[in-house]
Amino acid sequence: MVRLPYVTALTTLFSYGLLFAFGQLRDFFRRILDARKPSNLKGYAPICLGLEDFYTRRLYLRIQDCFGRPIASAPDAWFDVVERYSNDCNKTLHRTAKTSKCLNLGSYNYLGFAAADEYCTPRVIESLKKYSASTCSVRVDGGNTKLHTELEELVARFVGKPAAVLFGMGYVTNSAIIPALIGKAYTYLDEAHSIGAVGKTGRGVCELLGVDPADVDIMMGTFTKSFGSCGGYIAASKEIIHHLKHTCPAHIYATSMSPPAVQQVISAIKVILGEDGTNRGAKKLAQIRENSNFFRSELQKMGFEVLGDNDSPVMPIMLYNPAKIPAFSRECLRQNVAVVTVAFPATPLLLARARICISASHSREDLIKGLEVISKVGDLVGIKYFPVEQEKTAVVEKQKKIQ
């Protein structure tokens, strides 16, 4: 839980209040000017009423270059970010033919499977040749292949459930309370960010917390993060899976997963399990834990307010103030480090943050580069809300001398 300091809360509220006041003032003068212009829209209802689009026009558009940045390469440890420009104060953004090679600290490429892999990629290409790019059908008609059935069985075995069902479209919140809920509540576990990334063998929060998967009624996860593919799954008892297969619209009406995407997940899980004949999977899992804990520890030593727990590859850095969102994002990008910033409505209004995502594909040199840039930008923007480690040590030693 984030406890917002009073001074930070006041300055953040003041900043939003200032933006709101000036936005209202601009809207007032716009209404006066628009009233003099002839309108050919008589008889039509307005698209937006009142403040419905105020946030978009007066706040979001000013910093929209910080969101949805297009890339021109695979989202590996480093990737190519497409440069953009605007001629109308960020209302519209235009792409250029130029790209910047940046350290990728924003992708969910936890185990490094999002780029070409020596085991996965050849098998994906082979499945493309054999099954084509799509089944062009729902599972219950002609959209089921041997790969789909194999993946369902593999996922059920991987997460420790009797059965699983796949879905073509597809971090666990408060996961530490799961042991307390066992036997007291019907549990539905969302492992969108944890499956494949946490736990000794990558089996998610149940393995991490020592919970028997049989005690969790429904386990849901995605293939878009650790496995470098798309879609997702639900694993549960055979009765629940049977019910979902006959009643769930996503299974009955949506086109099934692309066969190459299915093969990518199958291959990635086999690497994690060591069924590729190597220990690459175990090394990836050890690397993601080492990288995540090192990066989180160093950020905290620098004085940043970092959310989350050890072993998690996702680490939000609190920004709070709206002006610090674009300042942090743009300055990091200028120094060739790509980060993701998250603000309202994805977070509460006062709790804007930068979300750092670490990958097993990051080398120690990559992480040190990212930490150096983030530290410099943090000093520049003013988001180091806690004393750095050296200052903490000096205070403790001073207190000891006084006593």
Protein backbone atom coordinates (compact mmCIF):
# COMPACT_ATOMS: atom_id res chain seq x y z
CA MET A 1 0.00 0.00 0.00
CA VAL A 2 1.30 3.45 -0.95
CA ARG A 3 1.30 6.05 1.83
CA LEU A 4 1.49 9.39 0.11
CA PRO A 5 3.52 12.01 2.09
CA TYR A 6 1.50 15.11 2.91
CA VAL A 7 3.89 17.51 1.16
CA THR A 8 3.95 15.35 -1.97
CA ALA A 9 0.14 15.04 -1.90
CA LEU A 10 -0.29 18.80 -1.58
CA THR A 11 2.13 19.65 -4.39
CA THR A 12 0.57 16.98 -6.63
CA LEU A 13 -2.96 18.27 -5.94
CA PHE A 14 -1.77 21.82 -6.59
CA SER A 15 -0.27 20.76 -9.93
CA TYR A 16 -3.46 19.04 -11.05
CA GLY A 17 -5.48 22.02 -9.80
CA LEU A 18 -3.34 24.37 -11.86
CA LEU A 19 -3.77 22.23 -14.98
CA PHE A 20 -7.50 22.04 -14.38
CA ALA A 21 -7.84 25.81 -13.88
CA PHE A 22 -5.88 26.73 -16.99
CA GLY A 23 -7.73 24.06 -18.96
CA GLN A 24 -11.08 25.49 -17.92
CA LEU A 25 -9.88 28.97 -18.82
CA ARG A 26 -8.84 27.83 -22.30
CA ASP A 27 -12.17 26.05 -22.77
CA PHE A 28 -14.01 29.22 -21.75
CA PHE A 29 -12.28 31.30 -24.40
CA ARG A 30 -12.70 28.51 -26.96
CA ARG A 31 -16.47 28.51 -26.42
CA ILE A 32 -16.54 32.28 -26.98
CA LEU A 33 -14.57 32.00 -30.21
CA ASP A 34 -16.55 28.97 -31.44
CA ALA A 35 -19.82 30.78 -30.84
CA ARG A 36 -18.93 33.23 -33.60
CA LYS A 37 -18.19 30.49 -36.11
CA PRO A 38 -20.97 29.11 -38.31
CA SER A 39 -21.85 25.50 -37.54
CA ASN A 40 -23.17 22.93 -40.01
CA LEU A 41 -23.81 20.36 -37.27
CA LYS A 42 -27.26 21.58 -36.23
CA GLY A 43 -29.54 18.73 -35.36
CA TYR A 44 -26.67 16.48 -34.28
CA ALA A 45 -25.97 15.62 -30.65
CA PRO A 46 -22.51 16.59 -29.35
CA ILE A 47 -20.01 13.75 -29.21
CA CYS A 48 -18.90 14.69 -25.69
CA LEU A 49 -20.68 16.59 -22.94
CA GLY A 50 -19.17 18.67 -20.15
CA LEU A 51 -15.91 17.28 -18.79
CA GLU A 52 -16.07 13.95 -20.61
CA ASP A 53 -13.08 14.69 -22.84
CA PHE A 54 -11.43 17.34 -20.65
CA TYR A 55 -8.74 14.99 -19.33
CA THR A 56 -7.87 13.81 -22.83
CA ARG A 57 -7.66 17.28 -24.34
CA ARG A 58 -6.01 19.23 -21.55
CA LEU A 59 -3.82 16.64 -19.82
CA TYR A 60 -3.29 13.45 -21.81
CA LEU A 61 -2.61 15.02 -25.22
CA ARG A 62 0.12 17.19 -23.74
CA ILE A 63 2.15 14.09 -22.86
CA GLN A 64 0.86 11.46 -25.26
CA ASP A 65 4.32 11.11 -26.79
CA CYS A 66 5.28 9.27 -23.57
CA PHE A 67 2.76 6.50 -24.27
CA GLY A 68 2.43 3.94 -27.02
CA ARG A 69 5.85 4.52 -28.52
CA PRO A 70 6.22 2.41 -31.68
CA ILE A 71 9.23 0.14 -32.06
CA ALA A 72 10.86 -1.25 -35.19
CA SER A 73 12.49 -4.41 -33.84
CA ALA A 74 11.84 -7.36 -31.57
CA PRO A 75 11.37 -6.27 -27.91
CA ASP A 76 14.67 -7.73 -26.71
CA ALA A 77 17.04 -6.25 -24.07
CA TRP A 78 17.72 -3.44 -26.56
CA PHE A 79 15.31 -2.35 -29.27
CA ASP A 80 14.78 0.34 -31.91
CA VAL A 81 12.31 3.08 -30.90
CA VAL A 82 10.75 5.00 -33.79
CA GLU A 83 11.29 8.74 -33.49
CA ARG A 84 8.18 10.97 -33.72
CA TYR A 85 7.43 14.69 -33.92
CA SER A 86 4.43 16.99 -33.61
CA ASN A 87 3.59 20.33 -35.19
CA ASP A 88 0.45 21.02 -33.15
CA CYS A 89 1.50 20.81 -29.50
CA ASN A 90 1.24 17.02 -29.34
CA LYS A 91 -2.33 16.75 -30.64
CA THR A 92 -1.05 14.57 -33.46
CA LEU A 93 2.21 12.65 -33.65
CA HIS A 94 4.01 11.83 -36.89
CA ARG A 95 6.49 9.00 -37.31
CA THR A 96 9.83 9.50 -38.95
CA ALA A 97 12.15 7.05 -40.69
CA LYS A 98 14.68 7.46 -37.87
CA THR A 99 15.03 5.09 -34.93
CA SER A 100 16.95 5.22 -31.65
CA LYS A 101 18.54 2.11 -30.15
CA CYS A 102 17.38 2.08 -26.54
CA LEU A 103 17.72 -0.11 -23.47
CA ASN A 104 14.35 -1.80 -23.10
CA LEU A 105 13.05 -1.43 -19.54
CA GLY A 106 9.39 -1.52 -20.49
CA SER A 107 8.55 -4.87 -22.09
CA TYR A 108 7.13 -7.96 -20.38
CA ASN A 109 9.88 -10.07 -21.92
CA TYR A 110 10.65 -11.70 -18.59
CA LEU A 111 12.50 -14.79 -19.81
CA GLY A 112 13.82 -13.35 -23.06
CA PHE A 113 11.59 -15.42 -25.38
CA ALA A 114 10.24 -12.36 -27.24
CA ALA A 115 13.22 -12.30 -29.59
CA ALA A 116 14.64 -15.12 -31.71
CA ASP A 117 15.43 -18.24 -29.69
CA GLU A 118 17.66 -21.10 -30.77
CA TYR A 119 15.12 -23.74 -29.71
CA CYS A 120 11.74 -22.01 -30.14
CA THR A 121 12.15 -20.10 -33.41
CA PRO A 122 12.95 -23.04 -35.76
CA ARG A 123 9.95 -24.95 -34.41
CA VAL A 124 7.67 -21.95 -34.81
CA ILE A 125 8.76 -21.55 -38.44
CA GLU A 126 8.14 -25.24 -39.06
CA SER A 127 4.62 -25.00 -37.57
CA LEU A 128 3.92 -22.01 -39.80
CA LYS A 129 4.76 -24.08 -42.85
CA LYS A 130 2.68 -27.02 -41.64
CA TYR A 131 -0.43 -25.32 -40.23
CA SER A 132 -0.28 -21.79 -41.79
CA ALA A 133 -0.62 -18.53 -39.88
CA SER A 134 -4.20 -19.08 -38.69
CA THR A 135 -6.86 -21.75 -38.37
CA CYS A 136 -9.44 -19.19 -39.58
CA SER A 137 -11.99 -20.84 -37.32
CA VAL A 138 -13.22 -21.24 -33.77
CA ARG A 139 -12.04 -24.20 -31.71
CA VAL A 140 -15.39 -26.02 -31.79
CA ASP A 141 -15.41 -26.05 -35.59
CA GLY A 142 -12.16 -26.37 -37.53
CA GLY A 143 -9.90 -24.34 -35.24
CA ASN A 144 -8.45 -27.20 -33.24
CA THR A 145 -5.13 -28.79 -34.16
CA LYS A 146 -2.85 -31.33 -32.51
CA LEU A 147 -0.80 -28.38 -31.23
CA HIS A 148 -3.76 -26.89 -29.36
CA THR A 149 -4.49 -30.18 -27.59
CA GLU A 150 -0.81 -30.68 -26.78
CA LEU A 151 -0.54 -27.20 -25.27
CA GLU A 152 -3.63 -27.70 -23.08
CA GLU A 153 -2.14 -30.92 -21.68
CA LEU A 154 1.28 -29.29 -21.23
CA VAL A 155 -0.16 -26.23 -19.42
CA ALA A 156 -2.24 -28.43 -17.08
CA ARG A 157 0.88 -30.43 -16.22
CA PHE A 158 3.01 -27.29 -15.84
CA VAL A 159 0.67 -25.53 -13.37
CA GLY A 160 -0.41 -28.72 -11.59
CA LYS A 161 -4.06 -28.94 -12.64
CA PRO A 162 -6.10 -31.78 -14.18
CA ALA A 163 -7.14 -29.80 -17.27
CA ALA A 164 -6.78 -26.49 -19.07
CA VAL A 165 -8.46 -24.52 -21.86
CA LEU A 166 -6.82 -22.00 -24.19
CA PHE A 167 -8.06 -18.55 -25.14
CA GLY A 168 -6.94 -16.57 -28.14
CA MET A 169 -7.00 -13.18 -26.48
CA GLY A 170 -5.45 -12.75 -23.53
CA TYR A 171 1.18 -9.85 -11.56
CA VAL A 172 -0.86 -11.13 -9.29
CA THR A 173 -2.59 -8.72 -6.90
CA ASN A 174 -2.50 -9.49 -3.17
CA SER A 175 -1.12 -12.95 -3.93
CA ALA A 176 0.34 -13.22 -0.41
CA ILE A 177 -3.18 -13.67 1.02
CA ILE A 178 -3.78 -16.87 -0.96
CA PRO A 179 -2.65 -19.23 1.83
CA ALA A 180 -5.11 -17.56 4.23
CA LEU A 181 -7.99 -18.08 1.78
CA ILE A 182 -7.47 -21.80 1.21
CA GLY A 183 -10.52 -23.70 2.38
CA LYS A 184 -12.39 -20.49 3.24
CA ALA A 185 -13.21 -19.01 -0.14
CA TYR A 186 -13.53 -19.92 -3.80
CA THR A 187 -10.16 -18.87 -5.20
CA TYR A 188 -9.48 -17.53 -8.70
CA LEU A 189 -5.79 -16.84 -9.26
CA ASP A 190 -4.73 -14.36 -11.95
CA GLU A 191 -1.13 -15.08 -12.95
CA ALA A 192 -0.79 -12.72 -15.90
CA HIS A 193 2.65 -11.49 -14.77
CA SER A 194 3.82 -14.35 -12.57
CA ILE A 195 3.49 -17.61 -14.49
CA GLY A 196 6.86 -18.52 -15.96
CA ALA A 197 8.59 -15.66 -14.14
CA VAL A 198 8.42 -16.44 -10.40
CA GLY A 199 8.88 -19.61 -8.42
CA LYS A 200 11.92 -21.90 -8.42
CA THR A 201 10.85 -23.63 -11.64
CA GLY A 202 8.70 -20.79 -13.04
CA ARG A 203 5.36 -22.24 -11.98
CA GLY A 204 4.11 -18.98 -10.48
CA VAL A 205 2.95 -17.75 -7.09
CA CYS A 206 1.69 -21.12 -5.84
CA GLU A 207 5.22 -22.46 -6.09
CA LEU A 208 6.64 -19.21 -4.67
CA LEU A 209 4.31 -19.28 -1.64
CA GLY A 210 4.31 -23.02 -1.12
CA VAL A 211 0.61 -23.45 -1.96
CA ASP A 212 -0.67 -26.68 -3.47
CA PRO A 213 -2.25 -25.84 -6.86
CA ALA A 214 -5.01 -28.34 -6.00
CA ASP A 215 -6.16 -25.89 -3.28
CA VAL A 216 -6.72 -23.11 -5.83
CA ASP A 217 -9.97 -23.58 -7.74
CA ILE A 218 -9.17 -21.69 -10.94
CA MET A 219 -5.78 -20.57 -12.23
CA MET A 220 -5.60 -18.10 -15.08
CA GLY A 221 -2.51 -16.93 -16.93
CA THR A 222 -1.31 -15.39 -20.14
CA PHE A 223 1.15 -16.47 -22.80
CA THR A 224 2.01 -12.88 -23.73
CA LYS A 225 4.62 -12.27 -21.03
CA SER A 226 7.13 -14.96 -20.04
CA PHE A 227 6.44 -17.19 -23.04
CA GLY A 228 6.78 -14.54 -25.76
CA SER A 229 3.53 -15.42 -27.52
CA CYS A 230 -0.15 -14.41 -27.34
CA GLY A 231 -3.36 -15.71 -25.83
CA GLY A 232 -3.87 -17.29 -22.44
CA TYR A 233 -5.30 -20.19 -20.46
CA ILE A 234 -7.54 -21.22 -17.60
CA ALA A 235 -6.57 -24.32 -15.63
CA ALA A 236 -8.97 -26.00 -13.21
CA SER A 237 -10.78 -29.25 -12.56
CA LYS A 238 -12.01 -31.29 -15.52
CA GLU A 239 -15.61 -30.37 -14.64
CA ILE A 240 -14.92 -26.62 -14.73
CA ILE A 241 -12.95 -26.87 -17.97
CA HIS A 242 -15.71 -28.96 -19.55
CA HIS A 243 -18.23 -26.29 -18.55
CA LEU A 244 -16.07 -23.46 -19.97
CA LYS A 245 -15.57 -25.26 -23.27
CA HIS A 246 -19.34 -25.49 -23.74
CA THR A 247 -20.43 -22.08 -22.44
CA CYS A 248 -17.58 -19.52 -22.69
CA PRO A 249 -18.04 -17.12 -25.66
CA ALA A 250 -14.24 -16.68 -26.02
CA HIS A 251 -13.97 -20.41 -26.70
CA ILE A 252 -17.11 -20.86 -28.79
CA TYR A 253 -17.08 -17.73 -30.95
CA ALA A 254 -13.50 -16.39 -31.06
CA THR A 255 -10.91 -17.61 -33.55
CA SER A 256 -8.52 -20.06 -31.95
CA MET A 257 -4.88 -19.26 -31.25
CA SER A 258 -2.59 -19.14 -34.25
CA PRO A 259 -0.69 -22.46 -34.57
CA PRO A 260 2.75 -20.74 -34.63
CA ALA A 261 1.78 -18.87 -31.44
CA VAL A 262 0.77 -22.19 -29.87
CA GLN A 263 4.06 -23.77 -30.91
CA GLN A 264 5.98 -20.85 -29.40
CA VAL A 265 4.38 -21.50 -25.99
CA ILE A 266 4.95 -25.26 -26.22
CA SER A 267 8.62 -24.71 -27.06
CA ALA A 268 9.09 -22.06 -24.33
CA ILE A 269 7.58 -24.31 -21.64
CA LYS A 270 9.78 -27.19 -22.75
CA VAL A 271 12.84 -24.96 -22.41
CA ILE A 272 11.71 -23.92 -18.91
CA LEU A 273 11.17 -27.56 -17.94
CA GLY A 274 14.50 -28.60 -19.44
CA GLU A 275 12.82 -30.86 -21.99
CA ASP A 276 14.93 -29.28 -24.73
CA GLY A 277 17.87 -31.25 -23.37
CA THR A 278 19.64 -28.25 -21.83
CA ASN A 279 19.61 -26.23 -18.60
CA ARG A 280 18.85 -22.95 -20.40
CA GLY A 281 15.45 -22.72 -18.72
CA ALA A 282 16.89 -23.01 -15.22
CA LYS A 283 19.53 -20.41 -16.12
CA LYS A 284 16.84 -18.01 -17.40
CA LEU A 285 14.82 -18.38 -14.19
CA ALA A 286 17.92 -17.81 -12.06
CA GLN A 287 18.86 -14.81 -14.21
CA ILE A 288 15.46 -13.11 -13.96
CA ARG A 289 15.50 -13.43 -10.15
CA GLU A 290 19.08 -12.17 -9.91
CA ASN A 291 18.45 -9.28 -12.30
CA SER A 292 15.18 -8.26 -10.63
CA ASN A 293 16.51 -8.32 -7.07
CA PHE A 294 19.71 -6.50 -8.04
CA PHE A 295 17.87 -3.74 -9.89
CA ARG A 296 15.24 -3.30 -7.16
CA SER A 297 17.89 -3.18 -4.42
CA GLU A 298 19.95 -0.57 -6.26
CA LEU A 299 16.91 1.63 -6.94
CA GLN A 300 16.01 1.57 -3.25
CA LYS A 301 19.59 2.43 -2.27
CA MET A 302 19.39 5.45 -4.58
CA GLY A 303 16.35 6.79 -2.69
CA PHE A 304 13.53 5.90 -5.10
CA GLU A 305 10.17 4.76 -3.75
CA VAL A 306 9.84 1.31 -5.33
CA LEU A 307 6.73 -0.83 -4.97
CA GLY A 308 6.45 -4.60 -5.07
CA ASP A 309 8.32 -7.52 -3.57
CA ASN A 310 11.60 -9.31 -4.13
CA ASP A 311 11.76 -11.72 -7.09
CA SER A 312 9.18 -9.70 -9.02
CA PRO A 313 10.50 -8.41 -12.37
CA VAL A 314 7.96 -5.56 -12.26
CA MET A 315 9.00 -2.58 -10.14
CA PRO A 316 6.97 0.66 -10.12
CA ILE A 317 8.89 3.84 -9.28
CA MET A 318 6.55 6.46 -7.80
CA LEU A 319 6.42 9.80 -9.63
CA TYR A 320 3.22 11.35 -8.19
CA ASN A 321 3.40 14.83 -9.74
CA PRO A 322 1.89 15.11 -13.26
CA ALA A 323 4.75 17.28 -14.52
CA LYS A 324 7.25 14.57 -13.57
CA ILE A 325 5.60 11.99 -15.81
CA PRO A 326 6.73 13.48 -19.15
CA ALA A 327 9.95 14.88 -17.63
CA PHE A 328 11.09 11.43 -16.48
CA SER A 329 9.98 9.60 -19.61
CA ARG A 330 11.40 12.05 -22.15
CA GLU A 331 14.74 12.50 -20.39
CA CYS A 332 15.25 8.75 -20.09
CA LEU A 333 14.48 8.35 -23.79
CA ARG A 334 16.89 11.15 -24.65
CA GLN A 335 19.58 9.10 -22.90
CA ASN A 336 18.54 5.95 -24.80
CA VAL A 337 16.63 4.22 -22.01
CA ALA A 338 13.02 3.37 -22.75
CA VAL A 339 10.68 3.26 -19.75
CA VAL A 340 6.91 3.01 -19.33
CA THR A 341 5.00 5.64 -17.35
CA VAL A 342 1.54 4.91 -15.96
CA ALA A 343 -0.94 7.55 -14.86
CA PHE A 344 -4.66 8.17 -14.40
CA PRO A 345 -7.00 6.47 -15.23
CA ALA A 346 -4.78 3.35 -15.09
CA THR A 347 -3.74 4.43 -11.57
CA PRO A 348 -5.41 6.66 -8.96
CA LEU A 349 -5.01 10.33 -9.82
CA LEU A 350 -2.24 11.03 -7.27
CA LEU A 351 -0.28 7.79 -7.78
CA ALA A 352 1.41 8.18 -11.17
CA ARG A 353 4.47 5.99 -11.61
CA ALA A 354 7.11 4.64 -13.94
CA ARG A 355 6.89 0.86 -14.37
CA ILE A 356 10.25 -0.85 -14.84
CA CYS A 357 10.22 -4.36 -16.28
CA ILE A 358 13.36 -6.50 -16.05
CA SER A 359 14.25 -9.40 -18.34
CA ALA A 360 16.51 -12.42 -18.14
CA SER A 361 18.00 -11.17 -21.41
CA HIS A 362 19.47 -8.11 -19.65
CA SER A 363 23.17 -8.37 -18.91
CA ARG A 364 24.70 -6.84 -15.78
CA GLU A 365 26.16 -4.10 -18.00
CA ASP A 366 22.65 -3.33 -19.32
CA LEU A 367 21.27 -3.02 -15.79
CA ILE A 368 24.11 -0.76 -14.64
CA LYS A 369 23.54 1.47 -17.69
CA GLY A 370 19.83 1.70 -16.84
CA LEU A 371 20.52 2.46 -13.17
CA GLU A 372 23.00 5.21 -14.04
CA VAL A 373 20.52 6.93 -16.35
CA ILE A 374 17.56 6.54 -13.99
CA SER A 375 19.64 7.90 -11.09
CA LYS A 376 20.67 10.98 -13.07
CA VAL A 377 17.14 11.60 -14.30
CA GLY A 378 15.77 10.98 -10.80
CA ASP A 379 18.03 13.73 -9.44
CA LEU A 380 17.04 16.05 -12.28
CA VAL A 381 13.30 15.46 -11.94
CA GLY A 382 13.28 15.22 -8.16
CA ILE A 383 11.71 11.81 -7.53
CA LYS A 384 14.15 10.44 -4.96
CA TYR A 385 11.74 10.69 -2.07
CA PHE A 386 13.92 8.78 0.43
CA PRO A 387 17.51 9.41 1.61
CA VAL A 388 20.15 7.50 -0.29
CA GLU A 389 21.83 4.64 1.53
CA GLN A 390 24.98 6.62 2.36
CA GLU A 391 22.92 9.32 4.03
CA LYS A 392 20.99 6.74 6.05
CA THR A 393 24.26 5.23 7.26
CA ALA A 394 25.63 8.65 8.21
CA VAL A 395 22.51 9.44 10.26
CA VAL A 396 22.73 6.13 12.14
CA GLU A 397 26.42 6.67 12.93
CA LYS A 398 25.72 10.23 14.09
CA GLN A 399 22.98 9.00 16.43
CA LYS A 400 25.33 6.39 17.89
CA LYS A 401 27.94 9.09 18.65
CA ILE A 402 25.31 11.30 20.35
CA GLN A 403 24.22 8.39 22.56
